[in-house]
């Protein structure tokens, strides 16, 4: 008797949880943002700025050492 009652309840529980956790489907693909030369120029400018700051920091260290 328990198995006759257990299987339908188990099947219903599995189906209900499957429906409860289902994700909605997007209506269409989202518009993609173009990543082209502008981002590359921004990255190059950031790298140049970091290199300048690093050289300035090293220059200040070498100037403060006596005997140079």
N, C-alpha and C. Protein backbone atom coordinates (compact mmCIF):
# COMPACT_ATOMS: atom_id res chain seq x y z
N UNK A 1 0.82 -1.19 0.00
CA UNK A 1 0.00 0.00 0.00
C UNK A 1 0.87 1.25 0.00
N UNK A 2 1.97 1.22 0.77
CA UNK A 2 2.83 2.38 0.84
C UNK A 2 3.47 2.68 -0.51
N UNK A 3 3.87 1.65 -1.23
CA UNK A 3 4.52 1.88 -2.52
C UNK A 3 3.53 2.41 -3.56
N UNK A 4 2.27 2.01 -3.48
CA UNK A 4 1.27 2.52 -4.41
C UNK A 4 1.02 4.00 -4.17
N UNK A 5 1.17 4.45 -2.97
CA UNK A 5 0.95 5.85 -2.64
C UNK A 5 2.24 6.67 -2.81
N UNK A 6 3.37 6.04 -2.57
CA UNK A 6 4.65 6.74 -2.61
C UNK A 6 5.03 7.17 -4.03
N UNK A 7 4.90 6.30 -5.01
CA UNK A 7 5.34 6.62 -6.37
C UNK A 7 4.59 7.80 -6.98
N UNK A 8 3.26 7.88 -6.93
CA UNK A 8 2.59 9.05 -7.51
C UNK A 8 2.94 10.35 -6.77
N UNK A 9 3.07 10.29 -5.45
CA UNK A 9 3.45 11.49 -4.72
C UNK A 9 4.88 11.93 -5.06
N UNK A 10 5.76 10.98 -5.23
CA UNK A 10 7.14 11.29 -5.62
C UNK A 10 7.17 11.90 -7.01
N UNK A 11 6.42 11.36 -7.94
CA UNK A 11 6.38 11.88 -9.31
C UNK A 11 5.82 13.30 -9.35
N UNK A 12 4.78 13.55 -8.57
CA UNK A 12 4.20 14.89 -8.52
C UNK A 12 5.19 15.88 -7.91
N UNK A 13 5.89 15.46 -6.86
CA UNK A 13 6.87 16.33 -6.22
C UNK A 13 8.01 16.68 -7.18
N UNK A 14 8.46 15.72 -7.95
CA UNK A 14 9.53 15.98 -8.92
C UNK A 14 9.05 16.95 -10.00
N UNK A 15 7.86 16.76 -10.51
CA UNK A 15 7.34 17.64 -11.55
C UNK A 15 7.11 19.06 -11.03
N UNK A 16 6.61 19.18 -9.82
CA UNK A 16 6.35 20.51 -9.26
C UNK A 16 7.66 21.26 -9.03
N UNK A 17 8.67 20.59 -8.50
CA UNK A 17 9.95 21.27 -8.28
C UNK A 17 10.61 21.62 -9.61
N UNK A 18 10.44 20.79 -10.61
CA UNK A 18 11.00 21.10 -11.93
C UNK A 18 10.36 22.37 -12.49
N UNK A 19 9.08 22.52 -12.34
CA UNK A 19 8.39 23.71 -12.82
C UNK A 19 8.72 24.94 -11.97
N UNK A 20 8.91 24.74 -10.69
CA UNK A 20 9.19 25.87 -9.80
C UNK A 20 10.57 26.46 -10.05
N UNK A 21 11.54 25.65 -10.42
CA UNK A 21 12.90 26.12 -10.63
C UNK A 21 13.23 26.40 -12.09
N UNK A 22 12.29 26.31 -12.97
CA UNK A 22 12.54 26.57 -14.38
C UNK A 22 12.80 28.05 -14.61
N UNK A 23 13.76 28.35 -15.46
CA UNK A 23 14.10 29.73 -15.77
C UNK A 23 13.29 30.20 -16.97
N UNK A 24 12.84 31.46 -16.96
CA UNK A 24 12.10 31.96 -18.12
C UNK A 24 13.03 32.13 -19.31
N UNK A 25 12.50 32.00 -20.49
CA UNK A 25 13.29 32.13 -21.71
C UNK A 25 13.30 33.60 -22.12
N UNK A 26 14.46 34.09 -22.53
CA UNK A 26 14.56 35.46 -23.00
C UNK A 26 13.82 35.62 -24.32
N UNK A 27 13.20 36.77 -24.56
CA UNK A 27 12.46 36.95 -25.80
C UNK A 27 13.35 36.94 -27.04
N UNK A 28 14.55 37.48 -26.92
CA UNK A 28 15.51 37.45 -28.04
C UNK A 28 16.90 37.67 -27.47
N UNK A 29 17.89 37.56 -28.33
CA UNK A 29 19.26 37.81 -27.89
C UNK A 29 19.42 39.29 -27.55
N UNK A 30 20.12 39.60 -26.46
CA UNK A 30 20.35 41.01 -26.13
C UNK A 30 21.31 41.65 -27.12
N UNK A 31 21.19 42.94 -27.28
CA UNK A 31 22.08 43.66 -28.19
C UNK A 31 23.50 43.61 -27.64
N UNK A 32 24.44 43.33 -28.49
CA UNK A 32 25.84 43.23 -28.08
C UNK A 32 26.52 44.58 -28.23
N UNK A 33 27.37 44.93 -27.28
CA UNK A 33 28.11 46.18 -27.33
C UNK A 33 29.38 45.98 -28.15
N UNK A 34 29.66 46.88 -29.08
CA UNK A 34 30.89 46.73 -29.87
C UNK A 34 32.12 47.11 -29.04
N UNK A 35 33.10 46.27 -29.06
CA UNK A 35 34.37 46.54 -28.38
C UNK A 35 35.41 46.60 -29.48
N UNK A 36 35.89 47.82 -29.76
CA UNK A 36 36.83 47.97 -30.87
C UNK A 36 37.97 48.89 -30.45
N UNK A 37 38.40 49.77 -31.30
CA UNK A 37 39.57 50.60 -31.10
C UNK A 37 39.53 51.47 -29.87
N UNK A 38 38.36 51.94 -29.47
CA UNK A 38 38.28 52.82 -28.31
C UNK A 38 38.76 52.17 -27.03
N UNK A 39 38.39 50.93 -26.84
CA UNK A 39 38.83 50.21 -25.64
C UNK A 39 40.33 49.94 -25.69
N UNK A 40 40.85 49.66 -26.87
CA UNK A 40 42.29 49.45 -27.01
C UNK A 40 43.08 50.71 -26.72
N UNK A 41 42.58 51.86 -27.19
CA UNK A 41 43.25 53.13 -26.90
C UNK A 41 43.21 53.44 -25.41
N UNK A 42 42.11 53.16 -24.78
CA UNK A 42 41.99 53.39 -23.34
C UNK A 42 42.98 52.51 -22.56
N UNK A 43 43.11 51.27 -22.95
CA UNK A 43 44.05 50.36 -22.29
C UNK A 43 45.49 50.81 -22.52
N UNK A 44 45.81 51.27 -23.73
CA UNK A 44 47.16 51.74 -24.02
C UNK A 44 47.48 53.00 -23.22
N UNK A 45 46.52 53.91 -23.10
CA UNK A 45 46.73 55.13 -22.32
C UNK A 45 46.94 54.79 -20.85
N UNK A 46 46.19 53.84 -20.33
CA UNK A 46 46.36 53.42 -18.94
C UNK A 46 47.72 52.79 -18.71
N UNK A 47 48.17 51.98 -19.65
CA UNK A 47 49.50 51.37 -19.53
C UNK A 47 50.61 52.41 -19.58
N UNK A 48 50.48 53.41 -20.46
CA UNK A 48 51.47 54.47 -20.55
C UNK A 48 51.51 55.29 -19.27
N UNK A 49 50.35 55.56 -18.71
CA UNK A 49 50.28 56.32 -17.46
C UNK A 49 50.93 55.54 -16.31
N UNK A 50 50.67 54.23 -16.25
CA UNK A 50 51.28 53.40 -15.20
C UNK A 50 52.80 53.35 -15.36
N UNK A 51 53.29 53.26 -16.60
CA UNK A 51 54.73 53.24 -16.85
C UNK A 51 55.37 54.56 -16.43
N UNK A 52 54.71 55.68 -16.73
CA UNK A 52 55.22 56.99 -16.33
C UNK A 52 55.31 57.10 -14.81
N UNK A 53 54.25 56.66 -14.11
CA UNK A 53 54.26 56.72 -12.66
C UNK A 53 55.37 55.84 -12.08
N UNK A 54 55.59 54.66 -12.66
CA UNK A 54 56.63 53.76 -12.19
C UNK A 54 58.01 54.37 -12.40
N UNK A 55 58.24 54.98 -13.56
CA UNK A 55 59.53 55.61 -13.82
C UNK A 55 59.76 56.79 -12.89
N UNK A 56 58.72 57.61 -12.65
CA UNK A 56 58.86 58.73 -11.72
C UNK A 56 59.19 58.25 -10.31
N UNK A 57 58.57 57.17 -9.90
CA UNK A 57 58.82 56.62 -8.56
C UNK A 57 60.26 56.14 -8.44
N UNK A 58 60.75 55.44 -9.47
CA UNK A 58 62.13 54.95 -9.46
C UNK A 58 63.12 56.11 -9.53
N UNK A 59 62.78 57.16 -10.27
CA UNK A 59 63.65 58.32 -10.38
C UNK A 59 63.78 59.01 -9.03
N UNK A 60 62.67 59.13 -8.29
CA UNK A 60 62.70 59.75 -6.97
C UNK A 60 63.54 58.92 -6.00
N UNK A 61 63.48 57.60 -6.10
CA UNK A 61 64.29 56.74 -5.22
C UNK A 61 65.77 56.92 -5.52
N UNK A 62 66.14 56.98 -6.80
CA UNK A 62 67.55 57.11 -7.16
C UNK A 62 68.09 58.50 -6.81
N UNK A 63 67.26 59.52 -6.84
CA UNK A 63 67.71 60.87 -6.48
C UNK A 63 67.97 60.99 -4.99
N UNK A 64 67.26 60.25 -4.18
CA UNK A 64 67.41 60.36 -2.73
C UNK A 64 68.59 59.56 -2.19
N UNK A 65 69.19 58.69 -3.01
CA UNK A 65 70.34 57.88 -2.57
C UNK A 65 71.59 58.75 -2.74
N UNK A 66 72.37 58.98 -1.66
CA UNK A 66 73.58 59.81 -1.77
C UNK A 66 74.66 59.07 -2.57
N UNK A 67 75.41 59.84 -3.35
CA UNK A 67 76.49 59.25 -4.13
C UNK A 67 76.12 58.99 -5.56
N UNK A 68 74.91 59.23 -5.97
CA UNK A 68 74.52 59.02 -7.37
C UNK A 68 74.60 60.28 -8.15
